[in-house]
């Protein structure tokens, strides 16, 4: 079975998923693409295949699975319609512009029983998988502190070209929700449950409702502490870069590139450096599988179509909802001048 894939939205992130679909071992073909900008959909189809269609219903009717890659405010209604049709859905992050709408989307998906996955794709990044392995190695000892910096140029320009990110009605807010929802998800994925946050935010560019800088202090339930700095700037040579330092009792693990590294582990015996092909080989030797989120989704779609039981996908809408809870706590603290805000336990 070749999985027939549909796209609603044909911008930058849709292109990323299409690239991953080309690399996937699971046979698949893009069959239908809809975008409010028909010329953008036509360019996508010329490069990736499929046909330009007039609306979401046409995408649903043609596809075995649909990728939702539109602006954030549109996700809830689009996911609702896909789930009502009984079609598996891969929804980009964030789920929605606010926590209540994100909860509603999760209820829609779970009530329908639809197979689902969410675009928190850094969980399947080779560099992040290596970092997690090293951080959680008992030889490293317990985590003491995390320093996380994420920067990207203001994405209304250049290769991103997402002008809707300057519209709070479509985006909800700025750099934290639209970009660094990845980062709060990774903090818990790497270290464990966050217990409380304290944050401030800024808006140098003056786009109403769209913050471009957030600094947050983080306390983990296990006793570790950390900080997150996320910023949209005007350094156009830096499209998107992350640096993460995790200080454990007996090791320092540093990520300097969020796809293929380098990832460094320093301890009393010296330094381990993992980069590029060496990083991939090390993961294989450690028995850590490298499977993209898109490949996982395709495999589950085919298994479900063939009547096989499918395990919960990681990450799904429930994982994404937890990230929304964390983002909401950071925003509440920033609105209150940095007052610490407690985060409820995950689960």
C-alpha atoms as a PDB file:
ATOM      1  CA  UNK A   1       0.000   0.000   0.000  1.00  0.00           C
ATOM      2  CA  UNK A   2       1.273   3.444  -0.945  1.00  0.00           C
ATOM      3  CA  UNK A   3      -0.136   5.958   1.509  1.00  0.00           C
ATOM      4  CA  UNK A   4      -1.941   8.802  -0.263  1.00  0.00           C
ATOM      5  CA  UNK A   5      -1.081  12.075   1.461  1.00  0.00           C
ATOM      6  CA  UNK A   6      -2.909  15.403   1.353  1.00  0.00           C
ATOM      7  CA  UNK A   7      -1.722  18.830   2.456  1.00  0.00           C
ATOM      8  CA  UNK A   8      -3.711  21.816   3.594  1.00  0.00           C
ATOM      9  CA  UNK A   9      -1.206  24.655   3.574  1.00  0.00           C
ATOM     10  CA  UNK A  10       1.776  24.685   1.212  1.00  0.00           C
ATOM     11  CA  UNK A  11       4.274  26.990   2.922  1.00  0.00           C
ATOM     12  CA  UNK A  12       7.681  26.462   4.521  1.00  0.00           C
ATOM     13  CA  UNK A  13       6.710  23.775   7.026  1.00  0.00           C
ATOM     14  CA  UNK A  14       4.693  21.849   4.426  1.00  0.00           C
ATOM     15  CA  UNK A  15       7.858  21.791   2.308  1.00  0.00           C
ATOM     16  CA  UNK A  16       9.778  20.370   5.257  1.00  0.00           C
ATOM     17  CA  UNK A  17       7.275  17.520   5.704  1.00  0.00           C
ATOM     18  CA  UNK A  18       7.276  16.844   1.959  1.00  0.00           C
ATOM     19  CA  UNK A  19      11.071  16.472   2.076  1.00  0.00           C
ATOM     20  CA  UNK A  20      10.765  13.982   4.934  1.00  0.00           C
ATOM     21  CA  UNK A  21       8.102  12.068   3.017  1.00  0.00           C
ATOM     22  CA  UNK A  22      10.514  11.726   0.095  1.00  0.00           C
ATOM     23  CA  UNK A  23      13.095  10.217   2.458  1.00  0.00           C
ATOM     24  CA  UNK A  24      10.636   7.879   4.191  1.00  0.00           C
ATOM     25  CA  UNK A  25      10.946   4.128   3.683  1.00  0.00           C
ATOM     26  CA  UNK A  26       7.157   3.777   3.697  1.00  0.00           C
ATOM     27  CA  UNK A  27       5.766   4.100   0.139  1.00  0.00           C
ATOM     28  CA  UNK A  28       3.723   7.284  -0.188  1.00  0.00           C
ATOM     29  CA  UNK A  29       2.530   9.849  -2.689  1.00  0.00           C
ATOM     30  CA  UNK A  30       1.224  13.369  -2.333  1.00  0.00           C
ATOM     31  CA  UNK A  31      -2.149  13.435  -4.086  1.00  0.00           C
ATOM     32  CA  UNK A  32      -3.900  16.701  -3.137  1.00  0.00           C
ATOM     33  CA  UNK A  33      -2.791  20.143  -1.966  1.00  0.00           C
ATOM     34  CA  UNK A  34      -4.869  23.146  -0.959  1.00  0.00           C
ATOM     35  CA  UNK A  35      -3.609  26.578   0.049  1.00  0.00           C
ATOM     36  CA  UNK A  36      -5.448  29.910   0.255  1.00  0.00           C
ATOM     37  CA  UNK A  37      -2.738  31.154  -2.144  1.00  0.00           C
ATOM     38  CA  UNK A  38      -3.370  28.969  -5.192  1.00  0.00           C
ATOM     39  CA  UNK A  39      -0.071  29.943  -6.804  1.00  0.00           C
ATOM     40  CA  UNK A  40       1.815  28.667  -3.768  1.00  0.00           C
ATOM     41  CA  UNK A  41      -0.076  25.379  -3.944  1.00  0.00           C
ATOM     42  CA  UNK A  42       0.758  25.149  -7.660  1.00  0.00           C
ATOM     43  CA  UNK A  43       4.470  25.643  -6.960  1.00  0.00           C
ATOM     44  CA  UNK A  44       4.345  22.984  -4.234  1.00  0.00           C
ATOM     45  CA  UNK A  45       2.665  20.517  -6.606  1.00  0.00           C
ATOM     46  CA  UNK A  46       5.172  21.271  -9.385  1.00  0.00           C
ATOM     47  CA  UNK A  47       8.001  20.368  -7.013  1.00  0.00           C
ATOM     48  CA  UNK A  48       6.438  17.596  -4.913  1.00  0.00           C
ATOM     49  CA  UNK A  49       3.640  16.076  -7.003  1.00  0.00           C
ATOM     50  CA  UNK A  50      -0.092  15.763  -6.525  1.00  0.00           C
ATOM     51  CA  UNK A  51      -2.847  18.073  -7.694  1.00  0.00           C
ATOM     52  CA  UNK A  52      -4.009  21.511  -6.596  1.00  0.00           C
ATOM     53  CA  UNK A  53      -7.545  21.257  -5.200  1.00  0.00           C
ATOM     54  CA  UNK A  54     -10.111  23.900  -4.297  1.00  0.00           C
ATOM     55  CA  UNK A  55     -10.772  23.204  -0.629  1.00  0.00           C
ATOM     56  CA  UNK A  56     -10.123  21.044   2.411  1.00  0.00           C
ATOM     57  CA  UNK A  57     -12.987  18.690   1.556  1.00  0.00           C
ATOM     58  CA  UNK A  58     -11.229  17.810  -1.702  1.00  0.00           C
ATOM     59  CA  UNK A  59      -8.016  17.063   0.193  1.00  0.00           C
ATOM     60  CA  UNK A  60      -9.879  14.838   2.646  1.00  0.00           C
ATOM     61  CA  UNK A  61     -11.667  12.996  -0.149  1.00  0.00           C
ATOM     62  CA  UNK A  62      -8.450  12.191  -1.990  1.00  0.00           C
ATOM     63  CA  UNK A  63      -6.102  11.265   0.855  1.00  0.00           C
ATOM     64  CA  UNK A  64      -5.449   8.460   3.334  1.00  0.00           C
ATOM     65  CA  UNK A  65      -3.890  11.017   5.685  1.00  0.00           C
ATOM     66  CA  UNK A  66      -3.770  14.827   5.854  1.00  0.00           C
ATOM     67  CA  UNK A  67      -1.003  17.176   7.005  1.00  0.00           C
ATOM     68  CA  UNK A  68      -2.387  20.432   8.466  1.00  0.00           C
ATOM     69  CA  UNK A  69       0.214  23.152   7.792  1.00  0.00           C
ATOM     70  CA  UNK A  70      -1.866  26.329   7.891  1.00  0.00           C
ATOM     71  CA  UNK A  71      -1.717  29.282  10.281  1.00  0.00           C
ATOM     72  CA  UNK A  72      -2.413  28.406  13.886  1.00  0.00           C
ATOM     73  CA  UNK A  73      -5.906  29.884  14.227  1.00  0.00           C
ATOM     74  CA  UNK A  74      -7.170  27.602  11.436  1.00  0.00           C
ATOM     75  CA  UNK A  75      -6.043  24.327  12.999  1.00  0.00           C
ATOM     76  CA  UNK A  76      -9.035  23.609  15.221  1.00  0.00           C
ATOM     77  CA  UNK A  77     -11.704  23.751  12.539  1.00  0.00           C
ATOM     78  CA  UNK A  78      -9.575  21.957   9.966  1.00  0.00           C
ATOM     79  CA  UNK A  79      -8.672  19.152  12.355  1.00  0.00           C
ATOM     80  CA  UNK A  80     -12.339  18.879  13.363  1.00  0.00           C
ATOM     81  CA  UNK A  81     -13.384  18.326   9.752  1.00  0.00           C
ATOM     82  CA  UNK A  82     -10.621  15.811   9.091  1.00  0.00           C
ATOM     83  CA  UNK A  83     -11.504  13.839  12.213  1.00  0.00           C
ATOM     84  CA  UNK A  84     -15.213  13.883  11.368  1.00  0.00           C
ATOM     85  CA  UNK A  85     -14.281  12.249   8.057  1.00  0.00           C
ATOM     86  CA  UNK A  86     -12.325   9.544   9.904  1.00  0.00           C
ATOM     87  CA  UNK A  87      -9.017  10.446   8.254  1.00  0.00           C
ATOM     88  CA  UNK A  88      -5.665  10.332  10.135  1.00  0.00           C
ATOM     89  CA  UNK A  89      -4.251  13.780  10.781  1.00  0.00           C
ATOM     90  CA  UNK A  90      -0.765  15.204  11.300  1.00  0.00           C
ATOM     91  CA  UNK A  91      -1.246  18.679  12.786  1.00  0.00           C
ATOM     92  CA  UNK A  92       1.487  21.276  12.912  1.00  0.00           C
ATOM     93  CA  UNK A  93       2.364  22.937  16.204  1.00  0.00           C
ATOM     94  CA  UNK A  94       1.030  24.928  17.949  1.00  0.00           C
ATOM     95  CA  UNK A  95      -2.352  23.226  18.092  1.00  0.00           C
ATOM     96  CA  UNK A  96      -4.176  26.518  18.594  1.00  0.00           C
ATOM     97  CA  UNK A  97      -3.727  30.162  19.537  1.00  0.00           C
ATOM     98  CA  UNK A  98      -4.614  29.640  23.209  1.00  0.00           C
ATOM     99  CA  UNK A  99      -4.796  26.903  25.814  1.00  0.00           C
ATOM    100  CA  UNK A 100      -8.601  26.544  25.828  1.00  0.00           C
ATOM    101  CA  UNK A 101      -8.707  26.068  22.053  1.00  0.00           C
ATOM    102  CA  UNK A 102      -5.853  23.559  22.280  1.00  0.00           C
ATOM    103  CA  UNK A 103      -7.870  21.590  24.845  1.00  0.00           C
ATOM    104  CA  UNK A 104     -10.874  21.673  22.531  1.00  0.00           C
ATOM    105  CA  UNK A 105      -8.780  20.341  19.642  1.00  0.00           C
ATOM    106  CA  UNK A 106      -7.510  17.475  21.794  1.00  0.00           C
ATOM    107  CA  UNK A 107     -11.090  16.629  22.803  1.00  0.00           C
ATOM    108  CA  UNK A 108     -12.132  16.604  19.142  1.00  0.00           C
ATOM    109  CA  UNK A 109      -9.319  14.260  18.166  1.00  0.00           C
ATOM    110  CA  UNK A 110      -9.652  11.893  21.096  1.00  0.00           C
ATOM    111  CA  UNK A 111     -13.436  11.722  20.848  1.00  0.00           C
ATOM    112  CA  UNK A 112     -13.140  10.763  17.175  1.00  0.00           C
ATOM    113  CA  UNK A 113     -10.475   8.137  17.800  1.00  0.00           C
ATOM    114  CA  UNK A 114      -8.509   9.501  14.832  1.00  0.00           C
ATOM    115  CA  UNK A 115      -4.911   8.447  14.392  1.00  0.00           C
ATOM    116  CA  UNK A 116      -2.926  11.608  15.027  1.00  0.00           C
ATOM    117  CA  UNK A 117       0.514  13.088  15.306  1.00  0.00           C
ATOM    118  CA  UNK A 118       1.854  16.606  15.950  1.00  0.00           C
ATOM    119  CA  UNK A 119       4.773  18.493  14.433  1.00  0.00           C
ATOM    120  CA  UNK A 120       6.990  18.535  17.528  1.00  0.00           C
ATOM    121  CA  UNK A 121       9.493  16.875  15.217  1.00  0.00           C
ATOM    122  CA  UNK A 122      12.654  17.647  17.190  1.00  0.00           C
ATOM    123  CA  UNK A 123      11.886  14.600  19.329  1.00  0.00           C
ATOM    124  CA  UNK A 124      13.088  12.522  16.360  1.00  0.00           C
ATOM    125  CA  UNK A 125      16.135  14.686  15.560  1.00  0.00           C
ATOM    126  CA  UNK A 126      19.410  12.679  15.669  1.00  0.00           C
ATOM    127  CA  UNK A 127      21.155  15.384  17.710  1.00  0.00           C
ATOM    128  CA  UNK A 128      18.362  15.597  20.282  1.00  0.00           C
ATOM    129  CA  UNK A 129      18.132  11.807  20.545  1.00  0.00           C
ATOM    130  CA  UNK A 130      21.876  11.660  21.225  1.00  0.00           C
ATOM    131  CA  UNK A 131      21.665  14.443  23.787  1.00  0.00           C
ATOM    132  CA  UNK A 132      18.795  12.744  25.600  1.00  0.00           C
ATOM    133  CA  UNK A 133      20.724   9.459  25.682  1.00  0.00           C
ATOM    134  CA  UNK A 134      23.765  11.168  27.193  1.00  0.00           C
ATOM    135  CA  UNK A 135      21.791  13.262  29.681  1.00  0.00           C
ATOM    136  CA  UNK A 136      19.831  10.249  30.928  1.00  0.00           C
ATOM    137  CA  UNK A 137      22.910   8.009  31.157  1.00  0.00           C
ATOM    138  CA  UNK A 138      23.268   7.115  34.864  1.00  0.00           C
ATOM    139  CA  UNK A 139      26.998   7.815  34.553  1.00  0.00           C
ATOM    140  CA  UNK A 140      26.192  11.503  33.978  1.00  0.00           C
ATOM    141  CA  UNK A 141      24.423  11.788  37.310  1.00  0.00           C
ATOM    142  CA  UNK A 142      21.301  13.836  38.025  1.00  0.00           C
ATOM    143  CA  UNK A 143      20.621  17.009  36.053  1.00  0.00           C
ATOM    144  CA  UNK A 144      21.482  20.167  37.952  1.00  0.00           C
ATOM    145  CA  UNK A 145      20.892  23.001  35.466  1.00  0.00           C
ATOM    146  CA  UNK A 146      19.885  23.633  31.839  1.00  0.00           C
ATOM    147  CA  UNK A 147      20.791  26.669  29.716  1.00  0.00           C
ATOM    148  CA  UNK A 148      18.686  26.774  26.521  1.00  0.00           C
ATOM    149  CA  UNK A 149      19.013  29.458  23.831  1.00  0.00           C
ATOM    150  CA  UNK A 150      16.876  29.475  20.686  1.00  0.00           C
ATOM    151  CA  UNK A 151      17.125  32.191  18.061  1.00  0.00           C
ATOM    152  CA  UNK A 152      15.715  32.793  14.599  1.00  0.00           C
ATOM    153  CA  UNK A 153      15.274  35.850  12.442  1.00  0.00           C
ATOM    154  CA  UNK A 154      11.795  37.355  12.451  1.00  0.00           C
ATOM    155  CA  UNK A 155       9.995  34.801  10.229  1.00  0.00           C
ATOM    156  CA  UNK A 156       7.887  37.269   8.247  1.00  0.00           C
ATOM    157  CA  UNK A 157      10.726  37.389   5.717  1.00  0.00           C
ATOM    158  CA  UNK A 158      13.351  35.338   3.907  1.00  0.00           C
ATOM    159  CA  UNK A 159      13.023  31.562   3.599  1.00  0.00           C
ATOM    160  CA  UNK A 160      10.077  31.495   6.049  1.00  0.00           C
ATOM    161  CA  UNK A 161       8.004  34.233   4.450  1.00  0.00           C
ATOM    162  CA  UNK A 162       5.134  33.634   6.882  1.00  0.00           C
ATOM    163  CA  UNK A 163       3.559  37.082   6.921  1.00  0.00           C
ATOM    164  CA  UNK A 164       0.670  35.690   8.991  1.00  0.00           C
ATOM    165  CA  UNK A 165       3.045  35.490  11.964  1.00  0.00           C
ATOM    166  CA  UNK A 166       2.677  39.266  12.230  1.00  0.00           C
ATOM    167  CA  UNK A 167      -1.095  38.885  12.679  1.00  0.00           C
ATOM    168  CA  UNK A 168      -2.053  38.012  16.260  1.00  0.00           C
ATOM    169  CA  UNK A 169      -5.506  36.857  15.126  1.00  0.00           C
ATOM    170  CA  UNK A 170      -3.868  34.127  13.049  1.00  0.00           C
ATOM    171  CA  UNK A 171      -0.761  33.392  15.116  1.00  0.00           C
ATOM    172  CA  UNK A 172      -2.080  33.957  18.631  1.00  0.00           C
ATOM    173  CA  UNK A 173       1.209  35.441  19.830  1.00  0.00           C
ATOM    174  CA  UNK A 174       4.885  35.473  18.966  1.00  0.00           C
ATOM    175  CA  UNK A 175       8.196  33.738  19.428  1.00  0.00           C
ATOM    176  CA  UNK A 176       7.301  31.577  22.423  1.00  0.00           C
ATOM    177  CA  UNK A 177       4.090  30.026  21.094  1.00  0.00           C
ATOM    178  CA  UNK A 178       4.936  29.949  17.403  1.00  0.00           C
ATOM    179  CA  UNK A 179       8.557  28.829  17.662  1.00  0.00           C
ATOM    180  CA  UNK A 180       9.617  27.839  21.154  1.00  0.00           C
ATOM    181  CA  UNK A 181       6.690  25.587  21.953  1.00  0.00           C
ATOM    182  CA  UNK A 182       9.301  23.114  20.636  1.00  0.00           C
ATOM    183  CA  UNK A 183      11.661  24.196  23.388  1.00  0.00           C
ATOM    184  CA  UNK A 184       9.369  23.843  26.380  1.00  0.00           C
ATOM    185  CA  UNK A 185       8.445  20.400  25.061  1.00  0.00           C
ATOM    186  CA  UNK A 186      12.136  19.482  24.788  1.00  0.00           C
ATOM    187  CA  UNK A 187      12.923  20.723  28.299  1.00  0.00           C
ATOM    188  CA  UNK A 188      10.538  18.186  29.827  1.00  0.00           C
ATOM    189  CA  UNK A 189      11.464  15.486  27.287  1.00  0.00           C
ATOM    190  CA  UNK A 190      15.141  15.868  28.234  1.00  0.00           C
ATOM    191  CA  UNK A 191      14.929  16.514  31.968  1.00  0.00           C
ATOM    192  CA  UNK A 192      11.474  15.797  33.409  1.00  0.00           C
ATOM    193  CA  UNK A 193       8.402  17.618  34.664  1.00  0.00           C
ATOM    194  CA  UNK A 194       8.565  21.374  35.096  1.00  0.00           C
ATOM    195  CA  UNK A 195       7.205  22.554  38.442  1.00  0.00           C
ATOM    196  CA  UNK A 196       7.183  26.338  38.056  1.00  0.00           C
ATOM    197  CA  UNK A 197       8.271  29.162  35.715  1.00  0.00           C
ATOM    198  CA  UNK A 198       9.049  32.869  35.987  1.00  0.00           C
ATOM    199  CA  UNK A 199       9.353  34.950  32.815  1.00  0.00           C
ATOM    200  CA  UNK A 200       9.603  38.335  31.136  1.00  0.00           C
ATOM    201  CA  UNK A 201       8.919  39.186  27.486  1.00  0.00           C
ATOM    202  CA  UNK A 202       9.749  41.993  25.056  1.00  0.00           C
ATOM    203  CA  UNK A 203       8.490  43.445  21.775  1.00  0.00           C
ATOM    204  CA  UNK A 204      11.260  45.375  20.022  1.00  0.00           C
ATOM    205  CA  UNK A 205       9.672  45.133  16.569  1.00  0.00           C
ATOM    206  CA  UNK A 206       6.425  46.684  17.776  1.00  0.00           C
ATOM    207  CA  UNK A 207       4.101  44.177  16.086  1.00  0.00           C
ATOM    208  CA  UNK A 208       0.944  44.263  18.192  1.00  0.00           C
ATOM    209  CA  UNK A 209       0.415  41.064  20.172  1.00  0.00           C
ATOM    210  CA  UNK A 210       3.575  39.424  18.778  1.00  0.00           C
ATOM    211  CA  UNK A 211       6.392  39.247  21.316  1.00  0.00           C
ATOM    212  CA  UNK A 212       9.885  38.773  19.884  1.00  0.00           C
ATOM    213  CA  UNK A 213      11.908  38.006  23.034  1.00  0.00           C
ATOM    214  CA  UNK A 214      11.196  35.858  26.074  1.00  0.00           C
ATOM    215  CA  UNK A 215      13.418  34.940  28.996  1.00  0.00           C
ATOM    216  CA  UNK A 216      12.179  32.302  31.420  1.00  0.00           C
ATOM    217  CA  UNK A 217      13.538  30.711  34.584  1.00  0.00           C
ATOM    218  CA  UNK A 218      12.416  27.135  35.027  1.00  0.00           C
ATOM    219  CA  UNK A 219      12.206  24.873  38.078  1.00  0.00           C
ATOM    220  CA  UNK A 220      11.902  21.125  37.566  1.00  0.00           C
ATOM    221  CA  UNK A 221       9.978  18.845  39.881  1.00  0.00           C
ATOM    222  CA  UNK A 222      13.117  16.749  40.397  1.00  0.00           C
ATOM    223  CA  UNK A 223      15.064  19.732  41.767  1.00  0.00           C
ATOM    224  CA  UNK A 224      16.966  20.917  38.683  1.00  0.00           C
ATOM    225  CA  UNK A 225      16.809  24.524  37.532  1.00  0.00           C
ATOM    226  CA  UNK A 226      17.164  26.100  34.116  1.00  0.00           C
ATOM    227  CA  UNK A 227      16.684  29.044  31.802  1.00  0.00           C
ATOM    228  CA  UNK A 228      15.186  29.506  28.345  1.00  0.00           C
ATOM    229  CA  UNK A 229      16.041  32.439  26.089  1.00  0.00           C
ATOM    230  CA  UNK A 230      14.133  32.685  22.820  1.00  0.00           C
ATOM    231  CA  UNK A 231      14.352  35.579  20.371  1.00  0.00           C
ATOM    232  CA  UNK A 232      13.293  36.707  16.884  1.00  0.00           C
ATOM    233  CA  UNK A 233      15.978  39.101  15.611  1.00  0.00           C
ATOM    234  CA  UNK A 234      17.226  40.599  12.321  1.00  0.00           C
ATOM    235  CA  UNK A 235      20.452  38.606  11.852  1.00  0.00           C
ATOM    236  CA  UNK A 236      19.421  37.050   8.542  1.00  0.00           C
ATOM    237  CA  UNK A 237      22.444  34.734   8.408  1.00  0.00           C
ATOM    238  CA  UNK A 238      20.983  32.805  11.381  1.00  0.00           C
ATOM    239  CA  UNK A 239      17.721  31.229  10.133  1.00  0.00           C
ATOM    240  CA  UNK A 240      17.157  28.978  13.184  1.00  0.00           C
ATOM    241  CA  UNK A 241      19.711  27.872  15.727  1.00  0.00           C
ATOM    242  CA  UNK A 242      19.557  26.227  19.107  1.00  0.00           C
ATOM    243  CA  UNK A 243      22.211  25.774  21.785  1.00  0.00           C
ATOM    244  CA  UNK A 244      21.473  23.656  24.846  1.00  0.00           C
ATOM    245  CA  UNK A 245      23.790  23.032  27.799  1.00  0.00           C
ATOM    246  CA  UNK A 246      22.732  20.428  30.344  1.00  0.00           C
ATOM    247  CA  UNK A 247      24.874  20.402  33.464  1.00  0.00           C
ATOM    248  CA  UNK A 248      24.670  17.053  35.226  1.00  0.00           C
ATOM    249  CA  UNK A 249      26.478  16.176  38.445  1.00  0.00           C
ATOM    250  CA  UNK A 250      29.280  14.350  36.623  1.00  0.00           C
ATOM    251  CA  UNK A 251      28.993  15.542  33.007  1.00  0.00           C
ATOM    252  CA  UNK A 252      28.230  18.531  30.822  1.00  0.00           C
ATOM    253  CA  UNK A 253      26.261  17.728  27.659  1.00  0.00           C
ATOM    254  CA  UNK A 254      26.109  20.476  25.023  1.00  0.00           C
ATOM    255  CA  UNK A 255      24.113  20.606  21.792  1.00  0.00           C
ATOM    256  CA  UNK A 256      25.344  23.078  19.183  1.00  0.00           C
ATOM    257  CA  UNK A 257      23.138  22.072  16.238  1.00  0.00           C
ATOM    258  CA  UNK A 258      19.657  20.604  16.539  1.00  0.00           C
ATOM    259  CA  UNK A 259      19.757  18.116  13.629  1.00  0.00           C
ATOM    260  CA  UNK A 260      23.184  16.487  13.265  1.00  0.00           C
ATOM    261  CA  UNK A 261      25.059  18.191  16.091  1.00  0.00           C
ATOM    262  CA  UNK A 262      27.682  18.660  17.168  1.00  0.00           C
ATOM    263  CA  UNK A 263      26.794  17.180  20.561  1.00  0.00           C
ATOM    264  CA  UNK A 264      29.534  17.124  23.212  1.00  0.00           C
ATOM    265  CA  UNK A 265      29.821  15.258  26.487  1.00  0.00           C
ATOM    266  CA  UNK A 266      32.561  16.374  28.881  1.00  0.00           C
ATOM    267  CA  UNK A 267      33.390  14.510  32.069  1.00  0.00           C
ATOM    268  CA  UNK A 268      36.443  13.838  34.220  1.00  0.00           C
ATOM    269  CA  UNK A 269      37.782  11.355  31.659  1.00  0.00           C
ATOM    270  CA  UNK A 270      37.694  13.819  28.751  1.00  0.00           C
ATOM    271  CA  UNK A 271      35.360  14.710  25.897  1.00  0.00           C
ATOM    272  CA  UNK A 272      33.111  12.796  23.530  1.00  0.00           C
ATOM    273  CA  UNK A 273      32.272  14.702  20.331  1.00  0.00           C
ATOM    274  CA  UNK A 274      29.413  13.506  18.100  1.00  0.00           C
ATOM    275  CA  UNK A 275      28.862  15.235  14.780  1.00  0.00           C
ATOM    276  CA  UNK A 276      27.291  14.316  11.440  1.00  0.00           C
ATOM    277  CA  UNK A 277      27.887  10.729  10.350  1.00  0.00           C
ATOM    278  CA  UNK A 278      29.728   9.924  13.584  1.00  0.00           C
ATOM    279  CA  UNK A 279      26.652  10.947  15.558  1.00  0.00           C
ATOM    280  CA  UNK A 280      24.410   8.722  13.426  1.00  0.00           C
ATOM    281  CA  UNK A 281      26.821   5.775  13.817  1.00  0.00           C
ATOM    282  CA  UNK A 282      26.969   6.295  17.576  1.00  0.00           C
ATOM    283  CA  UNK A 283      23.178   6.216  17.842  1.00  0.00           C
ATOM    284  CA  UNK A 284      23.092   2.971  15.848  1.00  0.00           C
ATOM    285  CA  UNK A 285      25.692   1.428  18.150  1.00  0.00           C
ATOM    286  CA  UNK A 286      23.628   2.518  21.155  1.00  0.00           C
ATOM    287  CA  UNK A 287      20.522   0.882  19.668  1.00  0.00           C
ATOM    288  CA  UNK A 288      18.654   4.166  19.252  1.00  0.00           C
ATOM    289  CA  UNK A 289      16.495   3.959  16.101  1.00  0.00           C
ATOM    290  CA  UNK A 290      16.408   6.907  13.720  1.00  0.00           C
ATOM    291  CA  UNK A 291      12.863   7.162  12.429  1.00  0.00           C
ATOM    292  CA  UNK A 292      11.388  10.476  11.366  1.00  0.00           C
ATOM    293  CA  UNK A 293       8.019  11.594  12.704  1.00  0.00           C
ATOM    294  CA  UNK A 294       6.670  11.438   9.157  1.00  0.00           C
ATOM    295  CA  UNK A 295       7.837   7.834   8.753  1.00  0.00           C
ATOM    296  CA  UNK A 296       6.226   6.870  12.055  1.00  0.00           C
ATOM    297  CA  UNK A 297       2.985   8.482  10.947  1.00  0.00           C
ATOM    298  CA  UNK A 298       2.972   6.770   7.539  1.00  0.00           C
ATOM    299  CA  UNK A 299       3.647   3.365   9.090  1.00  0.00           C
ATOM    300  CA  UNK A 300       0.800   3.826  11.551  1.00  0.00           C
ATOM    301  CA  UNK A 301      -1.576   4.980   8.801  1.00  0.00           C
ATOM    302  CA  UNK A 302      -0.827   1.866   6.746  1.00  0.00           C
ATOM    303  CA  UNK A 303      -1.104  -0.434   9.759  1.00  0.00           C
ATOM    304  CA  UNK A 304      -4.461   1.092  10.730  1.00  0.00           C
ATOM    305  CA  UNK A 305      -5.733   0.713   7.134  1.00  0.00           C
ATOM    306  CA  UNK A 306      -4.717  -2.945   7.150  1.00  0.00           C
ATOM    307  CA  UNK A 307      -6.594  -3.563  10.393  1.00  0.00           C
ATOM    308  CA  UNK A 308      -3.562  -3.824  12.682  1.00  0.00           C
ATOM    309  CA  UNK A 309      -3.477  -2.327  16.147  1.00  0.00           C
ATOM    310  CA  UNK A 310      -1.460   0.885  16.383  1.00  0.00           C
ATOM    311  CA  UNK A 311       0.360   2.210  19.425  1.00  0.00           C
ATOM    312  CA  UNK A 312       0.018   5.811  20.528  1.00  0.00           C
ATOM    313  CA  UNK A 313       2.246   7.979  18.348  1.00  0.00           C
ATOM    314  CA  UNK A 314       4.912  10.191  19.914  1.00  0.00           C
ATOM    315  CA  UNK A 315       4.307  13.097  19.839  1.00  0.00           C
ATOM    316  CA  UNK A 316       0.516  13.256  19.557  1.00  0.00           C
ATOM    317  CA  UNK A 317      -2.034  15.899  20.496  1.00  0.00           C
ATOM    318  CA  UNK A 318      -1.824  14.999  24.178  1.00  0.00           C
ATOM    319  CA  UNK A 319       1.947  15.661  24.206  1.00  0.00           C
ATOM    320  CA  UNK A 320       1.313  18.956  22.405  1.00  0.00           C
ATOM    321  CA  UNK A 321      -1.322  19.949  24.959  1.00  0.00           C
ATOM    322  CA  UNK A 322       1.256  19.602  27.719  1.00  0.00           C
ATOM    323  CA  UNK A 323       3.515  22.008  25.801  1.00  0.00           C
ATOM    324  CA  UNK A 324       0.586  24.453  25.608  1.00  0.00           C
ATOM    325  CA  UNK A 325       0.151  24.231  29.390  1.00  0.00           C
ATOM    326  CA  UNK A 326       3.808  25.193  29.811  1.00  0.00           C
ATOM    327  CA  UNK A 327       3.594  28.052  27.290  1.00  0.00           C
ATOM    328  CA  UNK A 328       0.476  29.385  29.013  1.00  0.00           C
ATOM    329  CA  UNK A 329       2.268  29.407  32.375  1.00  0.00           C
ATOM    330  CA  UNK A 330       5.210  31.352  30.892  1.00  0.00           C
ATOM    331  CA  UNK A 331       2.886  33.949  29.362  1.00  0.00           C
ATOM    332  CA  UNK A 332       0.949  34.325  32.619  1.00  0.00           C
ATOM    333  CA  UNK A 333       4.177  34.951  34.512  1.00  0.00           C
ATOM    334  CA  UNK A 334       5.328  37.527  31.934  1.00  0.00           C
ATOM    335  CA  UNK A 335       1.982  39.357  32.122  1.00  0.00           C
ATOM    336  CA  UNK A 336       2.406  39.552  35.884  1.00  0.00           C
ATOM    337  CA  UNK A 337       5.904  41.041  35.746  1.00  0.00           C
ATOM    338  CA  UNK A 338       7.799  37.801  36.259  1.00  0.00           C
ATOM    339  CA  UNK A 339       5.864  36.410  39.217  1.00  0.00           C
ATOM    340  CA  UNK A 340       6.563  32.657  39.588  1.00  0.00           C
ATOM    341  CA  UNK A 341       3.685  30.530  38.263  1.00  0.00           C
ATOM    342  CA  UNK A 342       3.140  26.932  39.325  1.00  0.00           C
ATOM    343  CA  UNK A 343       2.732  24.302  36.604  1.00  0.00           C
ATOM    344  CA  UNK A 344       0.399  21.369  37.284  1.00  0.00           C
ATOM    345  CA  UNK A 345       1.902  17.879  37.035  1.00  0.00           C
ATOM    346  CA  UNK A 346       1.897  16.210  33.644  1.00  0.00           C
ATOM    347  CA  UNK A 347      -0.404  13.296  33.013  1.00  0.00           C
END
